[in-house]
């Protein structure tokens, strides 16, 4: 994932997939994100946009993944990634308002 002109944040989530991390790249109210295993293997990528009513499009990189992995990624997305992306976009909105004032 390229980082040109992006703010980058990496968060660790030890409770998912034996210690995965998510890298968030933020630019212009759009967040690109990727899920990495503890071995730094990218297993899921996505793009979140506030313009699309706070929705993401994402891709699972490996094929033939175990049901438990799929289930963990599902919960990681809905319980953590989506909420984090909303917070990141809302923070950008607040910064824009503060700049105007």
N, C-alpha and C. Protein backbone atom coordinates (compact mmCIF):
# COMPACT_ATOMS: atom_id res chain seq x y z
N UNK A 1 0.85 -1.18 0.00
CA UNK A 1 0.00 0.00 0.00
C UNK A 1 0.89 1.24 0.00
N UNK A 2 0.68 2.13 -0.94
CA UNK A 2 1.50 3.33 -1.03
C UNK A 2 1.09 4.34 0.04
N UNK A 3 2.06 5.18 0.43
CA UNK A 3 1.81 6.12 1.49
C UNK A 3 2.01 7.56 1.04
N UNK A 4 1.93 7.86 -0.25
CA UNK A 4 2.15 9.22 -0.74
C UNK A 4 1.05 10.14 -0.22
N UNK A 5 1.44 11.17 0.54
CA UNK A 5 0.48 12.16 1.01
C UNK A 5 -0.51 11.67 2.04
N UNK A 6 -0.26 10.53 2.63
CA UNK A 6 -1.18 9.95 3.61
C UNK A 6 -0.61 10.11 5.02
N UNK A 7 -1.52 10.21 5.99
CA UNK A 7 -1.15 10.03 7.38
C UNK A 7 -1.33 8.55 7.66
N UNK A 8 -0.34 7.94 8.30
CA UNK A 8 -0.38 6.50 8.53
C UNK A 8 -0.46 6.21 10.03
N UNK A 9 -1.35 5.29 10.39
CA UNK A 9 -1.51 4.85 11.78
C UNK A 9 -1.54 3.33 11.76
N UNK A 10 -0.78 2.70 12.65
CA UNK A 10 -0.82 1.25 12.80
C UNK A 10 -1.30 0.93 14.20
N UNK A 11 -2.33 0.08 14.29
CA UNK A 11 -2.88 -0.32 15.58
C UNK A 11 -2.78 -1.84 15.70
N UNK A 12 -2.40 -2.29 16.89
CA UNK A 12 -2.28 -3.71 17.18
C UNK A 12 -3.57 -4.22 17.80
N UNK A 13 -4.00 -5.41 17.41
CA UNK A 13 -5.20 -6.04 17.95
C UNK A 13 -4.87 -7.47 18.35
N UNK A 14 -4.28 -7.65 19.53
CA UNK A 14 -3.83 -8.99 19.95
C UNK A 14 -4.98 -9.99 20.14
N UNK A 15 -6.19 -9.50 20.31
CA UNK A 15 -7.32 -10.39 20.54
C UNK A 15 -7.86 -11.02 19.25
N UNK A 16 -7.39 -10.56 18.10
CA UNK A 16 -7.84 -11.11 16.82
C UNK A 16 -6.70 -11.82 16.10
N UNK A 17 -6.97 -13.01 15.61
CA UNK A 17 -6.06 -13.76 14.75
C UNK A 17 -4.66 -13.90 15.33
N UNK A 18 -4.58 -14.17 16.61
CA UNK A 18 -3.29 -14.35 17.28
C UNK A 18 -2.37 -13.14 17.15
N UNK A 19 -2.95 -11.96 17.19
CA UNK A 19 -2.14 -10.75 17.20
C UNK A 19 -1.95 -10.08 15.86
N UNK A 20 -3.04 -9.69 15.23
CA UNK A 20 -2.91 -9.00 13.96
C UNK A 20 -2.77 -7.49 14.20
N UNK A 21 -2.46 -6.78 13.14
CA UNK A 21 -2.42 -5.33 13.20
C UNK A 21 -3.15 -4.78 11.97
N UNK A 22 -3.56 -3.53 12.08
CA UNK A 22 -4.23 -2.87 10.97
C UNK A 22 -3.52 -1.56 10.72
N UNK A 23 -3.16 -1.33 9.45
CA UNK A 23 -2.55 -0.06 9.08
C UNK A 23 -3.63 0.77 8.38
N UNK A 24 -3.81 1.98 8.90
CA UNK A 24 -4.77 2.92 8.34
C UNK A 24 -4.00 4.04 7.65
N UNK A 25 -4.36 4.34 6.41
CA UNK A 25 -3.77 5.44 5.66
C UNK A 25 -4.89 6.43 5.35
N UNK A 26 -4.77 7.65 5.88
CA UNK A 26 -5.85 8.61 5.83
C UNK A 26 -5.50 9.78 4.92
N UNK A 27 -6.41 10.11 4.02
CA UNK A 27 -6.25 11.28 3.16
C UNK A 27 -7.62 11.71 2.64
N UNK A 28 -7.93 12.97 2.85
CA UNK A 28 -9.13 13.58 2.27
C UNK A 28 -10.40 12.78 2.55
N UNK A 29 -10.64 12.47 3.81
CA UNK A 29 -11.84 11.77 4.27
C UNK A 29 -12.01 10.38 3.67
N UNK A 30 -10.91 9.82 3.22
CA UNK A 30 -10.89 8.43 2.74
C UNK A 30 -9.80 7.70 3.51
N UNK A 31 -10.12 6.51 3.97
CA UNK A 31 -9.17 5.71 4.73
C UNK A 31 -8.93 4.40 3.97
N UNK A 32 -7.69 4.20 3.55
CA UNK A 32 -7.28 2.90 3.03
C UNK A 32 -6.76 2.11 4.22
N UNK A 33 -7.11 0.85 4.30
CA UNK A 33 -6.64 0.05 5.44
C UNK A 33 -6.26 -1.35 4.97
N UNK A 34 -5.39 -1.96 5.77
CA UNK A 34 -4.99 -3.34 5.49
C UNK A 34 -4.76 -4.07 6.80
N UNK A 35 -5.14 -5.34 6.81
CA UNK A 35 -4.97 -6.21 7.97
C UNK A 35 -3.74 -7.06 7.73
N UNK A 36 -2.85 -7.07 8.73
CA UNK A 36 -1.62 -7.87 8.65
C UNK A 36 -1.61 -8.89 9.77
N UNK A 37 -1.15 -10.11 9.45
CA UNK A 37 -0.99 -11.13 10.48
C UNK A 37 0.21 -10.77 11.35
N UNK A 38 0.43 -11.54 12.39
CA UNK A 38 1.60 -11.31 13.25
C UNK A 38 2.90 -11.54 12.48
N UNK A 39 2.82 -12.26 11.35
CA UNK A 39 3.99 -12.49 10.48
C UNK A 39 4.11 -11.42 9.39
N UNK A 40 3.33 -10.34 9.49
CA UNK A 40 3.34 -9.23 8.53
C UNK A 40 2.79 -9.60 7.15
N UNK A 41 2.00 -10.65 7.08
CA UNK A 41 1.36 -11.03 5.82
C UNK A 41 0.04 -10.26 5.69
N UNK A 42 -0.17 -9.59 4.57
CA UNK A 42 -1.41 -8.86 4.32
C UNK A 42 -2.49 -9.87 3.96
N UNK A 43 -3.59 -9.88 4.72
CA UNK A 43 -4.65 -10.85 4.46
C UNK A 43 -5.97 -10.20 4.07
N UNK A 44 -6.07 -8.87 4.23
CA UNK A 44 -7.31 -8.18 3.87
C UNK A 44 -6.98 -6.72 3.63
N UNK A 45 -7.55 -6.14 2.58
CA UNK A 45 -7.36 -4.72 2.31
C UNK A 45 -8.73 -4.09 2.09
N UNK A 46 -8.81 -2.79 2.32
CA UNK A 46 -10.08 -2.12 2.10
C UNK A 46 -9.93 -0.62 1.96
N UNK A 47 -11.04 0.00 1.57
CA UNK A 47 -11.11 1.45 1.42
C UNK A 47 -12.42 1.90 2.05
N UNK A 48 -12.33 2.88 2.95
CA UNK A 48 -13.48 3.43 3.65
C UNK A 48 -13.69 4.86 3.17
N UNK A 49 -14.93 5.22 2.91
CA UNK A 49 -15.23 6.58 2.46
C UNK A 49 -16.44 7.13 3.18
N UNK A 50 -16.30 8.34 3.72
CA UNK A 50 -17.45 8.98 4.36
C UNK A 50 -18.45 9.44 3.31
N UNK A 51 -18.00 9.65 2.08
CA UNK A 51 -18.90 10.09 1.00
C UNK A 51 -19.90 9.00 0.64
N UNK A 52 -19.53 7.76 0.88
CA UNK A 52 -20.41 6.62 0.58
C UNK A 52 -21.16 6.14 1.81
N UNK A 53 -21.58 7.10 2.63
CA UNK A 53 -22.36 6.80 3.84
C UNK A 53 -21.62 5.85 4.78
N UNK A 54 -20.36 6.16 5.00
CA UNK A 54 -19.52 5.41 5.94
C UNK A 54 -19.46 3.94 5.59
N UNK A 55 -19.18 3.63 4.34
CA UNK A 55 -19.07 2.22 3.95
C UNK A 55 -17.68 1.91 3.43
N UNK A 56 -17.36 0.64 3.48
CA UNK A 56 -16.08 0.15 3.00
C UNK A 56 -16.29 -0.84 1.88
N UNK A 57 -15.28 -0.95 1.07
CA UNK A 57 -15.16 -2.05 0.13
C UNK A 57 -13.88 -2.75 0.51
N UNK A 58 -13.91 -4.08 0.59
CA UNK A 58 -12.70 -4.78 1.01
C UNK A 58 -12.52 -6.08 0.25
N UNK A 59 -11.27 -6.56 0.30
CA UNK A 59 -10.88 -7.77 -0.39
C UNK A 59 -10.10 -8.66 0.56
N UNK A 60 -10.44 -9.94 0.58
CA UNK A 60 -9.65 -10.93 1.30
C UNK A 60 -8.57 -11.42 0.35
N UNK A 61 -7.32 -11.34 0.79
CA UNK A 61 -6.20 -11.69 -0.09
C UNK A 61 -6.06 -13.21 -0.27
N UNK A 62 -5.96 -13.98 0.81
CA UNK A 62 -5.78 -15.43 0.58
C UNK A 62 -7.09 -16.09 0.18
N UNK A 63 -6.97 -17.17 -0.56
CA UNK A 63 -8.16 -17.96 -0.87
C UNK A 63 -8.15 -19.19 0.04
N UNK A 64 -9.25 -19.85 0.11
CA UNK A 64 -9.39 -21.06 0.94
C UNK A 64 -9.03 -20.82 2.40
N UNK A 65 -9.52 -19.74 2.95
CA UNK A 65 -9.22 -19.47 4.36
C UNK A 65 -10.16 -20.29 5.24
N UNK A 66 -9.70 -20.59 6.44
CA UNK A 66 -10.50 -21.34 7.39
C UNK A 66 -11.69 -20.50 7.85
N UNK A 67 -12.75 -21.20 8.23
CA UNK A 67 -13.95 -20.53 8.71
C UNK A 67 -13.64 -19.63 9.91
N UNK A 68 -12.79 -20.09 10.81
CA UNK A 68 -12.45 -19.29 11.99
C UNK A 68 -11.75 -17.99 11.60
N UNK A 69 -10.90 -18.04 10.59
CA UNK A 69 -10.21 -16.84 10.13
C UNK A 69 -11.21 -15.87 9.52
N UNK A 70 -12.09 -16.37 8.69
CA UNK A 70 -13.12 -15.54 8.08
C UNK A 70 -13.99 -14.88 9.15
N UNK A 71 -14.41 -15.67 10.13
CA UNK A 71 -15.24 -15.15 11.21
C UNK A 71 -14.50 -14.08 12.00
N UNK A 72 -13.23 -14.31 12.31
CA UNK A 72 -12.43 -13.31 13.04
C UNK A 72 -12.29 -12.02 12.24
N UNK A 73 -12.06 -12.13 10.93
CA UNK A 73 -11.95 -10.94 10.09
C UNK A 73 -13.27 -10.18 10.03
N UNK A 74 -14.37 -10.90 10.00
CA UNK A 74 -15.70 -10.29 10.01
C UNK A 74 -15.89 -9.45 11.28
N UNK A 75 -15.59 -10.07 12.43
CA UNK A 75 -15.73 -9.33 13.69
C UNK A 75 -14.73 -8.19 13.79
N UNK A 76 -13.52 -8.41 13.35
CA UNK A 76 -12.51 -7.35 13.37
C UNK A 76 -12.99 -6.16 12.54
N UNK A 77 -13.55 -6.42 11.37
CA UNK A 77 -14.03 -5.33 10.54
C UNK A 77 -15.17 -4.56 11.21
N UNK A 78 -16.22 -5.28 11.63
CA UNK A 78 -17.40 -4.59 12.15
C UNK A 78 -17.23 -4.03 13.56
N UNK A 79 -16.41 -4.67 14.39
CA UNK A 79 -16.24 -4.20 15.76
C UNK A 79 -15.11 -3.20 15.92
N UNK A 80 -14.14 -3.20 15.00
CA UNK A 80 -12.96 -2.37 15.19
C UNK A 80 -12.67 -1.47 13.99
N UNK A 81 -12.44 -2.05 12.83
CA UNK A 81 -11.98 -1.28 11.68
C UNK A 81 -12.99 -0.22 11.28
N UNK A 82 -14.25 -0.58 11.10
CA UNK A 82 -15.25 0.38 10.65
C UNK A 82 -15.39 1.52 11.65
N UNK A 83 -15.45 1.21 12.94
CA UNK A 83 -15.58 2.26 13.96
C UNK A 83 -14.35 3.15 14.01
N UNK A 84 -13.17 2.56 13.84
CA UNK A 84 -11.93 3.35 13.81
C UNK A 84 -11.94 4.28 12.61
N UNK A 85 -12.35 3.78 11.45
CA UNK A 85 -12.41 4.62 10.25
C UNK A 85 -13.38 5.79 10.44
N UNK A 86 -14.53 5.53 11.03
CA UNK A 86 -15.48 6.62 11.30
C UNK A 86 -14.85 7.65 12.21
N UNK A 87 -14.18 7.20 13.27
CA UNK A 87 -13.50 8.14 14.17
C UNK A 87 -12.43 8.95 13.43
N UNK A 88 -11.66 8.32 12.58
CA UNK A 88 -10.60 9.01 11.84
C UNK A 88 -11.18 10.07 10.91
N UNK A 89 -12.28 9.74 10.24
CA UNK A 89 -12.92 10.69 9.33
C UNK A 89 -13.57 11.82 10.12
N UNK A 90 -14.21 11.50 11.25
CA UNK A 90 -14.81 12.54 12.08
C UNK A 90 -13.74 13.47 12.63
N UNK A 91 -12.58 12.94 13.02
CA UNK A 91 -11.47 13.78 13.48
C UNK A 91 -11.04 14.73 12.38
N UNK A 92 -11.00 14.27 11.14
CA UNK A 92 -10.63 15.12 10.01
C UNK A 92 -11.67 16.23 9.82
N UNK A 93 -12.95 15.89 10.00
CA UNK A 93 -14.01 16.90 9.91
C UNK A 93 -13.85 17.96 10.98
N UNK A 94 -13.53 17.54 12.22
CA UNK A 94 -13.34 18.48 13.32
C UNK A 94 -12.15 19.38 13.04
N UNK A 95 -11.05 18.83 12.52
CA UNK A 95 -9.88 19.63 12.19
C UNK A 95 -10.22 20.66 11.12
N UNK A 96 -11.04 20.27 10.12
CA UNK A 96 -11.43 21.22 9.09
C UNK A 96 -12.24 22.37 9.67
N UNK A 97 -13.15 22.06 10.59
CA UNK A 97 -13.97 23.09 11.23
C UNK A 97 -13.08 24.02 12.07
N UNK A 98 -12.12 23.46 12.80
CA UNK A 98 -11.23 24.27 13.61
C UNK A 98 -10.39 25.20 12.75
N UNK A 99 -9.97 24.75 11.56
CA UNK A 99 -9.21 25.59 10.65
C UNK A 99 -10.05 26.75 10.14
N UNK A 100 -11.33 26.52 9.89
CA UNK A 100 -12.23 27.57 9.41
C UNK A 100 -12.43 28.64 10.47
N UNK A 101 -12.57 28.21 11.74
CA UNK A 101 -12.77 29.16 12.83
C UNK A 101 -11.47 29.85 13.10
